[in-house]
Amino acid sequence: MTGAENLTVAPPPAMPVKAEATTELKSPASPLPTVQEFDANTCSVDDLVVALKTAGGVVIRNLLTPQALGAIEADVRPWLEKDKPWNGDFFPPETRRVTGLLTKSETFALDLVGHKLWIGVVDALLTSEFPRNWVGDKQEASVGKPQLNNTIVFSIGPGARDQALHRDDQIHQVSHRAVAAHEMGRDYGIGFFVAGKPTTKANGATRFIPGSHLWDYEEGPPREDQAFYAELGAGDGFMMLSGCFHGGSANKTVDQERLVYSCFFTRSWLRQEENQYLIHDLEKLRKLPLWLIERAGWSLSPPFLGWTSLEDPIAHLFPEKAGSKDMF
C-alpha cells in the first residue's frame, strides 16, 4: 500500500524549476505557463509543488500499479452501473459517477487518497498555521492539516459533450484578485485525478487552462483555445489547484470509456464539498487507519473547530478516546 502514515519525502533528484520572477499581474492575455510532467518513482513533493505554483497543474506518470487499478475498478464498477443520468447541465447524460469512496474501496482510500506524494503536496500548500493564539498569558500555536473535500469516480461514455469550464473553489465563494506569481494561502483546494484507463483528447481528457489560478477571478469567461488536455496512461495522475479553470472534454469515440478516479482536499476550516459524516458506513470507516479517518474530517481544526459534545469528533467513532480536555 502507498498510505502516507509516517510520511517521509525523498530529496529531489534535481533542482526544481523556479517560478518566473516577474511583477506583471497575470491575466488571460499573459503567456501560458508550461505544464510539467514527472515520474512518480523519481520525483519529489517539492518538484510537484513548484510546478503547481507556476502552472496550476502537473502530470505525474506511474502513480498507481495495474493491480491497484484493477482492485479499485472491481470495487466501483457495480456502483457505476447503478448510477443514473444527471438531471441538469453540469454533467453530460453519458457520465456515470460514484461518490463516498473511502468506504466503497479500501484500495482507493489507501493507495489514492493516501498516496504519499499527494498527501505531501496538500500538506505543503493547504496547511493552515495560526501562530499567535493568546489564551490568557499563554500563546498557543494552532496548525490545521488539510482535510478530504470529496471523492468521485467518473465514467464518461461515447457521445458525451464538453463539460463547461469552471473553477472548483467556487464552492467556497472565492474571488481573488490577479497576482504576478503564486502566493501561499491563496489556494482553498487541490484536485487529484488518476486514470483508470487511458485518457486521451479523443475520449474526454480533462482540459485545463494553465496559469488561470493567478488571474483576477472577475475576468471571464475562459477561452477554450487556451486549454491543455491532460492525456494520461492508465495509472498516471494529474494534480490541479482548485483555482484553475478546467472541465471534462467531449468523448468523440464510439467505443471508449474514460474512467477517472479523483479526490480533492481543502483547508481544515472550510466546509467539505462531500459530507463525510453522512455518506459512510461507520463500521467500515473505523477499519481505516486513524490518520486517514482524521483527514476525512473526523478531527478538530485547531483551535476548537468541529467538536461534538465538547470532544474531539474522533471520540464519536472511538469512545475510548473521549475525555474532557483543552482542544487547542
C-alpha atoms as a PDB file:
ATOM      1  CA  MET A   1       0.000   0.000   0.000  1.00  0.00           C
ATOM      2  CA  THR A   2       1.088   3.572  -0.541  1.00  0.00           C
ATOM      3  CA  GLY A   3      -0.602   5.060   2.524  1.00  0.00           C
ATOM      4  CA  ALA A   4       1.000   8.191   3.936  1.00  0.00           C
ATOM      5  CA  GLU A   5       1.280   7.243   7.594  1.00  0.00           C
ATOM      6  CA  ASN A   6       4.748   8.217   8.825  1.00  0.00           C
ATOM      7  CA  LEU A   7       5.252  10.196   5.633  1.00  0.00           C
ATOM      8  CA  THR A   8       8.826  10.811   4.566  1.00  0.00           C
ATOM      9  CA  VAL A   9       9.727  12.743   1.462  1.00  0.00           C
ATOM     10  CA  ALA A  10      12.813  11.845  -0.519  1.00  0.00           C
ATOM     11  CA  PRO A  11      15.097  14.697  -1.602  1.00  0.00           C
ATOM     12  CA  PRO A  12      14.544  15.849  -5.178  1.00  0.00           C
ATOM     13  CA  PRO A  13      16.738  14.232  -7.839  1.00  0.00           C
ATOM     14  CA  ALA A  14      17.432  17.642  -9.328  1.00  0.00           C
ATOM     15  CA  MET A  15      16.861  21.290  -8.562  1.00  0.00           C
ATOM     16  CA  PRO A  16      13.148  22.115  -9.045  1.00  0.00           C
ATOM     17  CA  VAL A  17      12.107  24.524 -11.754  1.00  0.00           C
ATOM     18  CA  LYS A  18      11.879  28.008 -10.256  1.00  0.00           C
ATOM     19  CA  ALA A  19       8.787  30.145 -10.759  1.00  0.00           C
ATOM     20  CA  GLU A  20       9.292  33.036 -13.149  1.00  0.00           C
ATOM     21  CA  ALA A  21      10.357  36.234 -11.352  1.00  0.00           C
ATOM     22  CA  THR A  22       8.050  38.997 -12.544  1.00  0.00           C
ATOM     23  CA  THR A  23       5.937  41.839 -11.213  1.00  0.00           C
ATOM     24  CA  GLU A  24       3.430  41.778 -14.070  1.00  0.00           C
ATOM     25  CA  LEU A  25      -0.037  40.745 -12.918  1.00  0.00           C
ATOM     26  CA  LYS A  26      -1.219  37.597 -14.683  1.00  0.00           C
ATOM     27  CA  SER A  27      -4.288  37.708 -16.907  1.00  0.00           C
ATOM     28  CA  PRO A  28      -5.876  35.797 -19.798  1.00  0.00           C
ATOM     29  CA  ALA A  29      -3.557  37.827 -22.074  1.00  0.00           C
ATOM     30  CA  SER A  30      -0.398  36.519 -20.336  1.00  0.00           C
ATOM     31  CA  PRO A  31       1.715  33.763 -21.948  1.00  0.00           C
ATOM     32  CA  LEU A  32       0.514  30.375 -20.729  1.00  0.00           C
ATOM     33  CA  PRO A  33       2.987  28.513 -18.474  1.00  0.00           C
ATOM     34  CA  THR A  34       4.169  25.029 -19.404  1.00  0.00           C
ATOM     35  CA  VAL A  35       2.509  22.100 -17.637  1.00  0.00           C
ATOM     36  CA  GLN A  36       5.337  19.955 -16.271  1.00  0.00           C
ATOM     37  CA  GLU A  37       5.493  16.139 -16.292  1.00  0.00           C
ATOM     38  CA  PHE A  38       7.208  13.920 -13.701  1.00  0.00           C
ATOM     39  CA  ASP A  39       7.559  10.229 -12.901  1.00  0.00           C
ATOM     40  CA  ALA A  40       6.123   9.184  -9.538  1.00  0.00           C
ATOM     41  CA  ASN A  41       9.093   6.884  -8.941  1.00  0.00           C
ATOM     42  CA  THR A  42      11.683   9.659  -9.133  1.00  0.00           C
ATOM     43  CA  CYS A  43      10.010  12.988  -8.387  1.00  0.00           C
ATOM     44  CA  SER A  44       9.712  14.727  -5.024  1.00  0.00           C
ATOM     45  CA  VAL A  45       6.912  16.617  -3.340  1.00  0.00           C
ATOM     46  CA  ASP A  46       8.937  19.821  -3.885  1.00  0.00           C
ATOM     47  CA  ASP A  47       9.026  19.192  -7.651  1.00  0.00           C
ATOM     48  CA  LEU A  48       5.243  18.929  -7.759  1.00  0.00           C
ATOM     49  CA  VAL A  49       4.649  21.927  -5.503  1.00  0.00           C
ATOM     50  CA  VAL A  50       6.819  24.234  -7.620  1.00  0.00           C
ATOM     51  CA  ALA A  51       5.129  23.013 -10.803  1.00  0.00           C
ATOM     52  CA  LEU A  52       1.673  23.615  -9.292  1.00  0.00           C
ATOM     53  CA  LYS A  53       2.552  27.118  -8.126  1.00  0.00           C
ATOM     54  CA  THR A  54       3.731  28.003 -11.630  1.00  0.00           C
ATOM     55  CA  ALA A  55       1.161  26.398 -13.937  1.00  0.00           C
ATOM     56  CA  GLY A  56      -1.617  25.369 -11.561  1.00  0.00           C
ATOM     57  CA  GLY A  57      -1.438  21.759 -12.773  1.00  0.00           C
ATOM     58  CA  VAL A  58       1.092  18.938 -13.141  1.00  0.00           C
ATOM     59  CA  VAL A  59       1.118  15.479 -14.752  1.00  0.00           C
ATOM     60  CA  ILE A  60       2.627  12.546 -12.807  1.00  0.00           C
ATOM     61  CA  ARG A  61       3.289   9.264 -14.596  1.00  0.00           C
ATOM     62  CA  ASN A  62       3.117   5.796 -12.971  1.00  0.00           C
ATOM     63  CA  LEU A  63       1.269   6.709  -9.773  1.00  0.00           C
ATOM     64  CA  LEU A  64      -0.799   3.552  -9.331  1.00  0.00           C
ATOM     65  CA  THR A  65       0.020  -0.037 -10.272  1.00  0.00           C
ATOM     66  CA  PRO A  66      -2.149  -2.173 -12.573  1.00  0.00           C
ATOM     67  CA  GLN A  67      -3.034  -4.269  -9.511  1.00  0.00           C
ATOM     68  CA  ALA A  68      -4.318  -1.227  -7.608  1.00  0.00           C
ATOM     69  CA  LEU A  69      -6.280  -0.018 -10.643  1.00  0.00           C
ATOM     70  CA  GLY A  70      -7.869  -3.445 -11.045  1.00  0.00           C
ATOM     71  CA  ALA A  71      -8.881  -3.574  -7.395  1.00  0.00           C
ATOM     72  CA  ILE A  72     -10.454  -0.102  -7.486  1.00  0.00           C
ATOM     73  CA  GLU A  73     -12.380  -0.846 -10.675  1.00  0.00           C
ATOM     74  CA  ALA A  74     -13.706  -4.105  -9.241  1.00  0.00           C
ATOM     75  CA  ASP A  75     -14.930  -2.171  -6.187  1.00  0.00           C
ATOM     76  CA  VAL A  76     -16.603   0.689  -8.055  1.00  0.00           C
ATOM     77  CA  ARG A  77     -17.990  -0.949 -11.202  1.00  0.00           C
ATOM     78  CA  PRO A  78     -21.194  -2.208  -9.523  1.00  0.00           C
ATOM     79  CA  TRP A  79     -21.843   1.313  -8.199  1.00  0.00           C
ATOM     80  CA  LEU A  80     -21.232   2.873 -11.632  1.00  0.00           C
ATOM     81  CA  GLU A  81     -23.793   0.538 -13.145  1.00  0.00           C
ATOM     82  CA  LYS A  82     -26.380   1.698 -10.609  1.00  0.00           C
ATOM     83  CA  ASP A  83     -25.900   5.422 -11.325  1.00  0.00           C
ATOM     84  CA  LYS A  84     -28.492   7.332 -13.327  1.00  0.00           C
ATOM     85  CA  PRO A  85     -28.023  10.198 -15.844  1.00  0.00           C
ATOM     86  CA  TRP A  86     -27.606  13.677 -14.337  1.00  0.00           C
ATOM     87  CA  ASN A  87     -30.766  15.800 -14.378  1.00  0.00           C
ATOM     88  CA  GLY A  88     -29.199  19.100 -15.387  1.00  0.00           C
ATOM     89  CA  ASP A  89     -26.465  20.708 -17.474  1.00  0.00           C
ATOM     90  CA  PHE A  90     -23.326  20.250 -15.367  1.00  0.00           C
ATOM     91  CA  PHE A  91     -22.647  16.577 -16.266  1.00  0.00           C
ATOM     92  CA  PRO A  92     -23.371  15.093 -19.705  1.00  0.00           C
ATOM     93  CA  PRO A  93     -26.027  12.331 -19.593  1.00  0.00           C
ATOM     94  CA  GLU A  94     -23.379   9.818 -20.744  1.00  0.00           C
ATOM     95  CA  THR A  95     -21.445  10.343 -17.478  1.00  0.00           C
ATOM     96  CA  ARG A  96     -21.747   7.979 -14.513  1.00  0.00           C
ATOM     97  CA  ARG A  97     -20.386   8.773 -11.050  1.00  0.00           C
ATOM     98  CA  VAL A  98     -19.608   7.102  -7.739  1.00  0.00           C
ATOM     99  CA  THR A  99     -19.014   9.036  -4.509  1.00  0.00           C
ATOM    100  CA  GLY A 100     -18.243   8.098  -0.894  1.00  0.00           C
ATOM    101  CA  LEU A 101     -15.168   6.156  -1.991  1.00  0.00           C
ATOM    102  CA  LEU A 102     -13.414   5.914   1.381  1.00  0.00           C
ATOM    103  CA  THR A 103     -15.726   3.107   2.441  1.00  0.00           C
ATOM    104  CA  LYS A 104     -16.555   1.704  -1.001  1.00  0.00           C
ATOM    105  CA  SER A 105     -12.959   0.857  -1.947  1.00  0.00           C
ATOM    106  CA  GLU A 106     -10.173   0.285   0.562  1.00  0.00           C
ATOM    107  CA  THR A 107      -7.614   0.428  -2.250  1.00  0.00           C
ATOM    108  CA  PHE A 108      -8.947   3.820  -3.357  1.00  0.00           C
ATOM    109  CA  ALA A 109      -8.724   5.051   0.243  1.00  0.00           C
ATOM    110  CA  LEU A 110      -5.198   3.829   0.943  1.00  0.00           C
ATOM    111  CA  ASP A 111      -3.458   3.961  -2.433  1.00  0.00           C
ATOM    112  CA  LEU A 112      -5.048   7.069  -3.956  1.00  0.00           C
ATOM    113  CA  VAL A 113      -6.317   9.302  -1.140  1.00  0.00           C
ATOM    114  CA  GLY A 114      -3.371   8.202   0.994  1.00  0.00           C
ATOM    115  CA  HIS A 115      -0.667   8.321  -1.685  1.00  0.00           C
ATOM    116  CA  LYS A 116       2.468   9.787  -0.083  1.00  0.00           C
ATOM    117  CA  LEU A 117       3.135  12.268  -2.908  1.00  0.00           C
ATOM    118  CA  TRP A 118      -0.454  13.502  -2.784  1.00  0.00           C
ATOM    119  CA  ILE A 119      -0.504  13.932   0.995  1.00  0.00           C
ATOM    120  CA  GLY A 120       2.855  15.695   0.790  1.00  0.00           C
ATOM    121  CA  VAL A 121       1.533  18.165  -1.794  1.00  0.00           C
ATOM    122  CA  VAL A 122      -1.663  19.035   0.062  1.00  0.00           C
ATOM    123  CA  ASP A 123       0.242  19.432   3.337  1.00  0.00           C
ATOM    124  CA  ALA A 124       2.714  21.781   1.669  1.00  0.00           C
ATOM    125  CA  LEU A 125       0.050  24.018   0.091  1.00  0.00           C
ATOM    126  CA  LEU A 126      -3.065  23.737   2.278  1.00  0.00           C
ATOM    127  CA  THR A 127      -1.808  23.559   5.870  1.00  0.00           C
ATOM    128  CA  SER A 128      -3.181  26.496   7.894  1.00  0.00           C
ATOM    129  CA  GLU A 129      -0.988  27.928  10.659  1.00  0.00           C
ATOM    130  CA  PHE A 130      -2.173  30.322  13.370  1.00  0.00           C
ATOM    131  CA  PRO A 131       0.934  31.038  15.490  1.00  0.00           C
ATOM    132  CA  ARG A 132      -0.359  33.812  17.801  1.00  0.00           C
ATOM    133  CA  ASN A 133      -3.398  32.469  19.586  1.00  0.00           C
ATOM    134  CA  TRP A 134      -3.338  34.012  23.070  1.00  0.00           C
ATOM    135  CA  VAL A 135      -5.185  32.070  25.773  1.00  0.00           C
ATOM    136  CA  GLY A 136      -4.685  34.108  28.934  1.00  0.00           C
ATOM    137  CA  ASP A 137      -0.951  34.507  29.373  1.00  0.00           C
ATOM    138  CA  LYS A 138      -0.111  31.548  27.118  1.00  0.00           C
ATOM    139  CA  GLN A 139       0.444  31.693  23.380  1.00  0.00           C
ATOM    140  CA  GLU A 140      -0.936  28.529  21.807  1.00  0.00           C
ATOM    141  CA  ALA A 141       0.104  27.830  18.220  1.00  0.00           C
ATOM    142  CA  SER A 142      -2.575  26.141  16.099  1.00  0.00           C
ATOM    143  CA  VAL A 143      -1.855  24.112  12.950  1.00  0.00           C
ATOM    144  CA  GLY A 144      -4.719  22.780  10.825  1.00  0.00           C
ATOM    145  CA  LYS A 145      -3.881  19.960   8.421  1.00  0.00           C
ATOM    146  CA  PRO A 146      -5.809  19.720   5.130  1.00  0.00           C
ATOM    147  CA  GLN A 147      -8.950  17.590   5.042  1.00  0.00           C
ATOM    148  CA  LEU A 148     -10.623  15.468   2.389  1.00  0.00           C
ATOM    149  CA  ASN A 149     -13.057  17.546   0.328  1.00  0.00           C
ATOM    150  CA  ASN A 150     -14.605  14.931  -1.962  1.00  0.00           C
ATOM    151  CA  THR A 151     -14.101  11.559  -3.647  1.00  0.00           C
ATOM    152  CA  ILE A 152     -15.579  10.810  -7.075  1.00  0.00           C
ATOM    153  CA  VAL A 153     -15.192   8.238  -9.840  1.00  0.00           C
ATOM    154  CA  PHE A 154     -16.132   9.456 -13.320  1.00  0.00           C
ATOM    155  CA  SER A 155     -17.059   7.173 -16.206  1.00  0.00           C
ATOM    156  CA  ILE A 156     -17.605   9.200 -19.386  1.00  0.00           C
ATOM    157  CA  GLY A 157     -19.126   7.288 -22.265  1.00  0.00           C
ATOM    158  CA  PRO A 158     -19.030   7.877 -26.035  1.00  0.00           C
ATOM    159  CA  GLY A 159     -21.065  10.874 -27.163  1.00  0.00           C
ATOM    160  CA  ALA A 160     -20.546  12.954 -24.009  1.00  0.00           C
ATOM    161  CA  ARG A 161     -20.192  16.671 -24.709  1.00  0.00           C
ATOM    162  CA  ASP A 162     -17.665  19.097 -23.225  1.00  0.00           C
ATOM    163  CA  GLN A 163     -18.266  19.989 -19.601  1.00  0.00           C
ATOM    164  CA  ALA A 164     -18.347  23.742 -19.007  1.00  0.00           C
ATOM    165  CA  LEU A 165     -15.023  25.199 -17.879  1.00  0.00           C
ATOM    166  CA  HIS A 166     -15.210  26.167 -14.212  1.00  0.00           C
ATOM    167  CA  ARG A 167     -13.180  26.699 -11.033  1.00  0.00           C
ATOM    168  CA  ASP A 168     -13.744  24.215  -8.220  1.00  0.00           C
ATOM    169  CA  ASP A 169     -13.025  26.732  -5.459  1.00  0.00           C
ATOM    170  CA  GLN A 170     -16.282  28.462  -6.402  1.00  0.00           C
ATOM    171  CA  ILE A 171     -17.941  26.239  -3.755  1.00  0.00           C
ATOM    172  CA  HIS A 172     -16.184  28.359  -1.127  1.00  0.00           C
ATOM    173  CA  GLN A 173     -17.235  31.626  -2.811  1.00  0.00           C
ATOM    174  CA  VAL A 174     -13.668  32.711  -3.507  1.00  0.00           C
ATOM    175  CA  SER A 175     -12.952  35.853  -5.541  1.00  0.00           C
ATOM    176  CA  HIS A 176      -9.223  36.542  -5.822  1.00  0.00           C
ATOM    177  CA  ARG A 177      -7.545  39.489  -7.489  1.00  0.00           C
ATOM    178  CA  ALA A 178      -4.802  38.992 -10.077  1.00  0.00           C
ATOM    179  CA  VAL A 179      -1.258  38.322  -8.846  1.00  0.00           C
ATOM    180  CA  ALA A 180       2.129  38.208 -10.559  1.00  0.00           C
ATOM    181  CA  ALA A 181       3.113  34.864  -9.002  1.00  0.00           C
ATOM    182  CA  HIS A 182       1.634  32.303  -6.666  1.00  0.00           C
ATOM    183  CA  GLU A 183       1.136  33.420  -3.061  1.00  0.00           C
ATOM    184  CA  MET A 184       0.930  30.981  -0.165  1.00  0.00           C
ATOM    185  CA  GLY A 185      -2.526  30.985   1.382  1.00  0.00           C
ATOM    186  CA  ARG A 186      -4.300  31.716  -1.925  1.00  0.00           C
ATOM    187  CA  ASP A 187      -5.361  28.106  -2.519  1.00  0.00           C
ATOM    188  CA  TYR A 188      -8.548  26.730  -0.987  1.00  0.00           C
ATOM    189  CA  GLY A 189      -8.253  23.280  -2.526  1.00  0.00           C
ATOM    190  CA  ILE A 190      -6.311  20.893  -4.749  1.00  0.00           C
ATOM    191  CA  GLY A 191      -7.628  18.141  -7.018  1.00  0.00           C
ATOM    192  CA  PHE A 192      -6.097  14.760  -7.834  1.00  0.00           C
ATOM    193  CA  PHE A 193      -7.170  12.714 -10.880  1.00  0.00           C
ATOM    194  CA  VAL A 194      -5.845   9.234 -11.690  1.00  0.00           C
ATOM    195  CA  ALA A 195      -6.697   7.500 -14.969  1.00  0.00           C
ATOM    196  CA  GLY A 196      -8.248   4.051 -14.590  1.00  0.00           C
ATOM    197  CA  LYS A 197      -7.978   3.615 -18.342  1.00  0.00           C
ATOM    198  CA  PRO A 198      -6.017   5.586 -20.975  1.00  0.00           C
ATOM    199  CA  THR A 199      -7.378   9.133 -21.111  1.00  0.00           C
ATOM    200  CA  THR A 200      -7.000  10.993 -24.405  1.00  0.00           C
ATOM    201  CA  LYS A 201      -8.228  14.169 -26.026  1.00  0.00           C
ATOM    202  CA  ALA A 202     -10.482  11.976 -28.156  1.00  0.00           C
ATOM    203  CA  ASN A 203     -12.205  10.195 -25.271  1.00  0.00           C
ATOM    204  CA  GLY A 204     -12.643  13.108 -22.869  1.00  0.00           C
ATOM    205  CA  ALA A 205      -9.400  14.062 -21.107  1.00  0.00           C
ATOM    206  CA  THR A 206      -9.666  16.873 -18.568  1.00  0.00           C
ATOM    207  CA  ARG A 207      -8.996  20.171 -20.294  1.00  0.00           C
ATOM    208  CA  PHE A 208      -7.370  22.774 -18.135  1.00  0.00           C
ATOM    209  CA  ILE A 209      -6.187  26.379 -18.558  1.00  0.00           C
ATOM    210  CA  PRO A 210      -2.610  26.729 -17.236  1.00  0.00           C
ATOM    211  CA  GLY A 211      -1.935  29.776 -15.108  1.00  0.00           C
ATOM    212  CA  SER A 212      -5.600  30.660 -14.605  1.00  0.00           C
ATOM    213  CA  HIS A 213      -5.190  30.311 -10.817  1.00  0.00           C
ATOM    214  CA  LEU A 214      -3.284  33.634 -10.926  1.00  0.00           C
ATOM    215  CA  TRP A 215      -5.893  35.659 -12.823  1.00  0.00           C
ATOM    216  CA  ASP A 216      -8.454  38.098 -11.474  1.00  0.00           C
ATOM    217  CA  TYR A 217     -11.483  35.916 -10.759  1.00  0.00           C
ATOM    218  CA  GLU A 218     -13.826  38.555 -12.157  1.00  0.00           C
ATOM    219  CA  GLU A 219     -12.311  38.146 -15.635  1.00  0.00           C
ATOM    220  CA  GLY A 220     -14.095  35.713 -17.887  1.00  0.00           C
ATOM    221  CA  PRO A 221     -15.412  33.650 -19.422  1.00  0.00           C
ATOM    222  CA  PRO A 222     -12.361  31.432 -20.078  1.00  0.00           C
ATOM    223  CA  ARG A 223     -11.212  30.760 -23.638  1.00  0.00           C
ATOM    224  CA  GLU A 224     -11.293  27.223 -24.997  1.00  0.00           C
ATOM    225  CA  ASP A 225      -8.300  27.865 -27.261  1.00  0.00           C
ATOM    226  CA  GLN A 226      -6.073  28.165 -24.162  1.00  0.00           C
ATOM    227  CA  ALA A 227      -6.855  24.653 -22.895  1.00  0.00           C
ATOM    228  CA  PHE A 228      -4.243  21.984 -22.139  1.00  0.00           C
ATOM    229  CA  TYR A 229      -5.546  18.400 -22.331  1.00  0.00           C
ATOM    230  CA  ALA A 230      -4.322  16.146 -19.501  1.00  0.00           C
ATOM    231  CA  GLU A 231      -3.757  12.970 -21.513  1.00  0.00           C
ATOM    232  CA  LEU A 232      -2.889  10.095 -19.183  1.00  0.00           C
ATOM    233  CA  GLY A 233      -1.985   6.439 -19.406  1.00  0.00           C
ATOM    234  CA  ALA A 234      -3.666   4.031 -17.008  1.00  0.00           C
ATOM    235  CA  GLY A 235      -2.212   4.755 -13.557  1.00  0.00           C
ATOM    236  CA  ASP A 236      -0.973   8.245 -14.451  1.00  0.00           C
ATOM    237  CA  GLY A 237      -2.221  11.233 -12.479  1.00  0.00           C
ATOM    238  CA  PHE A 238      -2.963  14.930 -12.810  1.00  0.00           C
ATOM    239  CA  MET A 239      -2.919  17.344  -9.852  1.00  0.00           C
ATOM    240  CA  MET A 240      -4.572  20.741 -10.160  1.00  0.00           C
ATOM    241  CA  LEU A 241      -5.145  23.771  -7.953  1.00  0.00           C
ATOM    242  CA  SER A 242      -8.857  24.419  -7.401  1.00  0.00           C
ATOM    243  CA  GLY A 243      -8.431  27.981  -8.680  1.00  0.00           C
ATOM    244  CA  CYS A 244      -7.792  26.813 -12.254  1.00  0.00           C
ATOM    245  CA  PHE A 245     -10.410  26.698 -14.971  1.00  0.00           C
ATOM    246  CA  HIS A 246     -10.973  23.123 -16.108  1.00  0.00           C
ATOM    247  CA  GLY A 247     -13.636  20.659 -17.263  1.00  0.00           C
ATOM    248  CA  GLY A 248     -14.072  17.221 -18.738  1.00  0.00           C
ATOM    249  CA  SER A 249     -13.988  17.221 -22.541  1.00  0.00           C
ATOM    250  CA  ALA A 250     -16.155  15.541 -25.155  1.00  0.00           C
ATOM    251  CA  ASN A 251     -15.859  11.797 -25.701  1.00  0.00           C
ATOM    252  CA  LYS A 252     -15.755  11.673 -29.503  1.00  0.00           C
ATOM    253  CA  THR A 253     -15.031   7.940 -29.721  1.00  0.00           C
ATOM    254  CA  VAL A 254     -17.581   5.236 -30.474  1.00  0.00           C
ATOM    255  CA  ASP A 255     -16.417   2.573 -28.026  1.00  0.00           C
ATOM    256  CA  GLN A 256     -14.055   4.042 -25.369  1.00  0.00           C
ATOM    257  CA  GLU A 257     -14.864   4.740 -21.739  1.00  0.00           C
ATOM    258  CA  ARG A 258     -12.945   7.480 -19.974  1.00  0.00           C
ATOM    259  CA  LEU A 259     -12.551   6.154 -16.418  1.00  0.00           C
ATOM    260  CA  VAL A 260     -11.053   8.547 -13.877  1.00  0.00           C
ATOM    261  CA  TYR A 261     -10.648   8.307 -10.102  1.00  0.00           C
ATOM    262  CA  SER A 262     -10.482  11.607  -8.248  1.00  0.00           C
ATOM    263  CA  CYS A 263     -10.343  13.261  -4.861  1.00  0.00           C
ATOM    264  CA  PHE A 264      -9.923  16.832  -3.636  1.00  0.00           C
ATOM    265  CA  PHE A 265      -8.547  18.203  -0.393  1.00  0.00           C
ATOM    266  CA  THR A 266      -9.354  21.562   1.174  1.00  0.00           C
ATOM    267  CA  ARG A 267      -8.271  23.601   4.203  1.00  0.00           C
ATOM    268  CA  SER A 268      -9.203  22.299   7.639  1.00  0.00           C
ATOM    269  CA  TRP A 269     -11.513  25.204   8.493  1.00  0.00           C
ATOM    270  CA  LEU A 270     -13.656  25.082   5.342  1.00  0.00           C
ATOM    271  CA  ARG A 271     -16.846  23.103   4.894  1.00  0.00           C
ATOM    272  CA  GLN A 272     -16.287  19.928   2.857  1.00  0.00           C
ATOM    273  CA  GLU A 273     -17.997  19.590  -0.509  1.00  0.00           C
ATOM    274  CA  GLU A 274     -18.872  15.931   0.120  1.00  0.00           C
ATOM    275  CA  ASN A 275     -20.424  15.353   3.541  1.00  0.00           C
ATOM    276  CA  GLN A 276     -18.090  12.758   5.077  1.00  0.00           C
ATOM    277  CA  TYR A 277     -20.297  12.261   8.151  1.00  0.00           C
ATOM    278  CA  LEU A 278     -23.494  11.072   6.462  1.00  0.00           C
ATOM    279  CA  ILE A 279     -22.252   9.140   3.433  1.00  0.00           C
ATOM    280  CA  HIS A 280     -20.133   6.436   5.061  1.00  0.00           C
ATOM    281  CA  ASP A 281     -20.837   3.137   6.786  1.00  0.00           C
ATOM    282  CA  LEU A 282     -19.260   3.894  10.179  1.00  0.00           C
ATOM    283  CA  GLU A 283     -18.192   0.308  10.805  1.00  0.00           C
ATOM    284  CA  LYS A 284     -16.227   0.327   7.544  1.00  0.00           C
ATOM    285  CA  LEU A 285     -14.832   3.773   8.355  1.00  0.00           C
ATOM    286  CA  ARG A 286     -13.487   2.528  11.718  1.00  0.00           C
ATOM    287  CA  LYS A 287     -11.380  -0.071   9.884  1.00  0.00           C
ATOM    288  CA  LEU A 288      -9.301   2.571   8.084  1.00  0.00           C
ATOM    289  CA  PRO A 289      -6.048   3.943   9.561  1.00  0.00           C
ATOM    290  CA  LEU A 290      -6.704   6.546  12.244  1.00  0.00           C
ATOM    291  CA  TRP A 291      -4.721   9.259  10.415  1.00  0.00           C
ATOM    292  CA  LEU A 292      -6.901   8.798   7.302  1.00  0.00           C
ATOM    293  CA  ILE A 293     -10.156   8.954   9.284  1.00  0.00           C
ATOM    294  CA  GLU A 294      -8.957  12.192  10.860  1.00  0.00           C
ATOM    295  CA  ARG A 295      -8.075  13.608   7.424  1.00  0.00           C
ATOM    296  CA  ALA A 296     -11.634  12.816   6.315  1.00  0.00           C
ATOM    297  CA  GLY A 297     -12.781  15.469   8.782  1.00  0.00           C
ATOM    298  CA  TRP A 298     -13.199  13.377  11.919  1.00  0.00           C
ATOM    299  CA  SER A 299     -10.787  15.600  13.820  1.00  0.00           C
ATOM    300  CA  LEU A 300     -10.544  19.135  15.120  1.00  0.00           C
ATOM    301  CA  SER A 301      -9.243  22.077  13.162  1.00  0.00           C
ATOM    302  CA  PRO A 302      -7.264  23.747  15.969  1.00  0.00           C
ATOM    303  CA  PRO A 303      -8.281  25.645  17.948  1.00  0.00           C
ATOM    304  CA  PHE A 304     -11.739  24.301  18.844  1.00  0.00           C
ATOM    305  CA  LEU A 305     -13.337  23.995  15.375  1.00  0.00           C
ATOM    306  CA  GLY A 306     -15.527  20.946  14.741  1.00  0.00           C
ATOM    307  CA  TRP A 307     -16.087  19.450  18.184  1.00  0.00           C
ATOM    308  CA  THR A 308     -19.013  17.218  19.163  1.00  0.00           C
ATOM    309  CA  SER A 309     -20.234  17.428  22.785  1.00  0.00           C
ATOM    310  CA  LEU A 310     -17.076  19.436  23.532  1.00  0.00           C
ATOM    311  CA  GLU A 311     -14.963  16.456  22.438  1.00  0.00           C
ATOM    312  CA  ASP A 312     -12.641  15.806  19.511  1.00  0.00           C
ATOM    313  CA  PRO A 313     -15.018  14.225  16.942  1.00  0.00           C
ATOM    314  CA  ILE A 314     -12.840  11.120  16.689  1.00  0.00           C
ATOM    315  CA  ALA A 315     -14.364  10.166  20.068  1.00  0.00           C
ATOM    316  CA  HIS A 316     -17.709   9.754  18.269  1.00  0.00           C
ATOM    317  CA  LEU A 317     -16.189   6.800  16.402  1.00  0.00           C
ATOM    318  CA  PHE A 318     -13.879   5.622  19.189  1.00  0.00           C
ATOM    319  CA  PRO A 319     -15.448   6.359  22.613  1.00  0.00           C
ATOM    320  CA  GLU A 320     -12.276   5.231  24.393  1.00  0.00           C
ATOM    321  CA  LYS A 321     -10.628   8.402  23.101  1.00  0.00           C
ATOM    322  CA  ALA A 322     -13.110  10.640  24.942  1.00  0.00           C
ATOM    323  CA  GLY A 323     -12.055  12.751  27.891  1.00  0.00           C
ATOM    324  CA  SER A 324     -12.825  16.351  28.776  1.00  0.00           C
ATOM    325  CA  LYS A 325      -9.701  18.384  27.967  1.00  0.00           C
ATOM    326  CA  ASP A 326      -8.481  21.517  26.209  1.00  0.00           C
ATOM    327  CA  MET A 327      -8.695  21.259  22.448  1.00  0.00           C
ATOM    328  CA  PHE A 328      -6.205  23.804  21.093  1.00  0.00           C
END
